[in-house]
Amino acid sequence: MAPWVKERETLLLDDKVEHVISPLLAFLALRLTLAPILPYCQHNAARMHYGTYRHQGYFIGSGAIESAGKPLAAGRLKGPGMRWTVAEVNALLKLRCMFLDQSWQTYWDTQGPLAA
């Protein structure tokens, strides 16, 4: 990893996203590949407290969550004889999310009259 990139990583892990954004602005004219990074950092700066999150034991990358989700979804969707369309999977996932966040009753309160 390049020293400049390593320094930006250290700043992010120290919750200093503003110290990452300003150099990106300065180098943007020299490196157009930085262009997508800048709007992301500006839009998400308030949520980019990576050092704090790691200190609290949270994952800051998506890999662990994606790895955990794959066998859960695959086990339900790839059973013997099962055939699913994308629309059916999305509907199933929506229902599962409502069940898990305990908004199931609210959903049926609003959808029940539409079904009748």
Protein backbone atom coordinates (compact mmCIF):
# COMPACT_ATOMS: atom_id res chain seq x y z
CA MET A 1 0.00 0.00 0.00
CA ALA A 2 1.31 3.44 -0.92
CA PRO A 3 2.41 5.62 2.03
CA TRP A 4 -0.13 8.32 1.13
CA VAL A 5 -2.96 5.79 1.13
CA LYS A 6 -1.75 4.29 4.42
CA GLU A 7 -1.79 7.78 5.98
CA ARG A 8 -5.42 8.29 4.81
CA GLU A 9 -6.33 4.92 6.31
CA THR A 10 -4.78 5.92 9.63
CA LEU A 11 -6.70 9.20 9.59
CA LEU A 12 -9.97 7.37 8.94
CA LEU A 13 -9.28 4.97 11.79
CA ASP A 14 -8.65 8.01 14.01
CA ASP A 15 -12.12 9.39 13.06
CA LYS A 16 -10.54 12.28 11.12
CA VAL A 17 -12.47 12.04 7.86
CA GLU A 18 -12.23 15.82 7.35
CA HIS A 19 -8.44 15.40 7.11
CA VAL A 20 -9.02 12.92 4.29
CA ILE A 21 -11.47 15.06 2.31
CA SER A 22 -9.36 18.22 2.02
CA PRO A 23 -6.30 16.47 0.45
CA LEU A 24 -8.62 14.65 -1.93
CA LEU A 25 -9.83 18.02 -3.17
CA ALA A 26 -6.24 19.14 -3.75
CA PHE A 27 -5.24 15.97 -5.62
CA LEU A 28 -8.42 15.61 -7.67
CA ALA A 29 -6.98 17.51 -10.64
CA LEU A 30 -3.93 15.22 -10.66
CA ARG A 31 -5.74 11.92 -10.11
CA LEU A 32 -9.19 11.63 -11.67
CA THR A 33 -9.48 8.13 -10.17
CA LEU A 34 -10.11 9.87 -6.83
CA ALA A 35 -13.30 11.47 -8.20
CA PRO A 36 -15.75 8.77 -6.96
CA ILE A 37 -14.18 8.71 -3.49
CA LEU A 38 -14.72 12.40 -2.78
CA PRO A 39 -18.56 12.52 -3.01
CA TYR A 40 -18.77 9.30 -0.97
CA CYS A 41 -16.66 10.80 1.82
CA GLN A 42 -18.51 14.11 1.73
CA HIS A 43 -21.93 12.45 1.83
CA ASN A 44 -21.04 9.91 4.51
CA ALA A 45 -18.60 11.90 6.68
CA ALA A 46 -21.00 11.95 9.64
CA ARG A 47 -21.10 8.13 9.62
CA MET A 48 -17.41 7.48 9.02
CA HIS A 49 -16.30 7.07 12.65
CA TYR A 50 -14.39 3.89 11.86
CA GLY A 51 -12.03 4.09 14.81
CA THR A 52 -14.91 4.52 17.24
CA TYR A 53 -16.84 1.67 15.66
CA ARG A 54 -13.85 -0.70 15.79
CA HIS A 55 -13.19 0.26 19.40
CA GLN A 56 -16.81 -0.66 20.20
CA GLY A 57 -16.33 -4.04 18.53
CA TYR A 58 -18.26 -3.35 15.33
CA PHE A 59 -17.13 -4.47 11.89
CA ILE A 60 -16.33 -1.61 9.54
CA GLY A 61 -16.32 -3.67 6.37
CA SER A 62 -19.13 -5.60 4.76
CA GLY A 63 -17.26 -8.89 4.38
CA ALA A 64 -18.27 -10.44 7.70
CA ILE A 65 -21.94 -9.58 7.21
CA GLU A 66 -21.96 -10.80 3.62
CA SER A 67 -20.25 -14.03 4.62
CA ALA A 68 -22.75 -14.63 7.41
CA GLY A 69 -25.71 -13.85 5.16
CA LYS A 70 -24.78 -16.17 2.33
CA PRO A 71 -25.38 -19.49 4.09
CA LEU A 72 -28.54 -18.16 5.72
CA ALA A 73 -30.07 -17.07 2.43
CA ALA A 74 -28.68 -20.01 0.46
CA GLY A 75 -30.03 -22.53 2.94
CA ARG A 76 -33.53 -21.17 2.55
CA LEU A 77 -33.44 -20.54 -1.18
CA LYS A 78 -31.44 -23.47 -2.53
CA GLY A 79 -33.20 -26.38 -0.91
CA PRO A 80 -34.09 -29.49 -2.90
CA GLY A 81 -36.68 -28.76 -5.56
CA MET A 82 -36.89 -25.03 -4.81
CA ARG A 83 -37.21 -22.59 -7.70
CA TRP A 84 -37.31 -18.85 -7.04
CA THR A 85 -37.57 -15.74 -9.17
CA VAL A 86 -35.85 -12.50 -8.17
CA ALA A 87 -39.25 -10.95 -7.36
CA GLU A 88 -40.17 -13.86 -5.10
CA VAL A 89 -36.84 -13.71 -3.26
CA ASN A 90 -37.20 -9.96 -2.75
CA ALA A 91 -40.73 -10.42 -1.37
CA LEU A 92 -39.54 -13.15 0.98
CA LEU A 93 -36.63 -11.02 2.21
CA LYS A 94 -38.97 -8.08 2.80
CA LEU A 95 -41.23 -10.23 4.95
CA ARG A 96 -38.25 -11.66 6.84
CA CYS A 97 -36.91 -8.17 7.57
CA MET A 98 -40.32 -7.05 8.85
CA PHE A 99 -40.47 -10.07 11.12
CA LEU A 100 -36.97 -9.43 12.49
CA ASP A 101 -37.47 -5.70 13.12
CA GLN A 102 -40.88 -6.42 14.67
CA SER A 103 -42.85 -4.31 12.19
CA TRP A 104 -44.94 -7.30 11.12
CA GLN A 105 -48.17 -6.04 12.73
CA THR A 106 -47.75 -2.56 11.27
CA TYR A 107 -47.34 -4.08 7.82
CA TRP A 108 -50.52 -6.14 8.11
CA ASP A 109 -52.44 -3.21 9.58
CA THR A 110 -51.67 -1.22 6.43
CA GLN A 111 -51.80 -4.06 3.88
CA GLY A 112 -54.83 -5.95 5.19
CA PRO A 113 -57.40 -3.47 3.79
CA LEU A 114 -55.66 -3.62 0.38
CA ALA A 115 -56.01 -7.41 0.26
CA ALA A 116 -59.75 -7.26 0.88
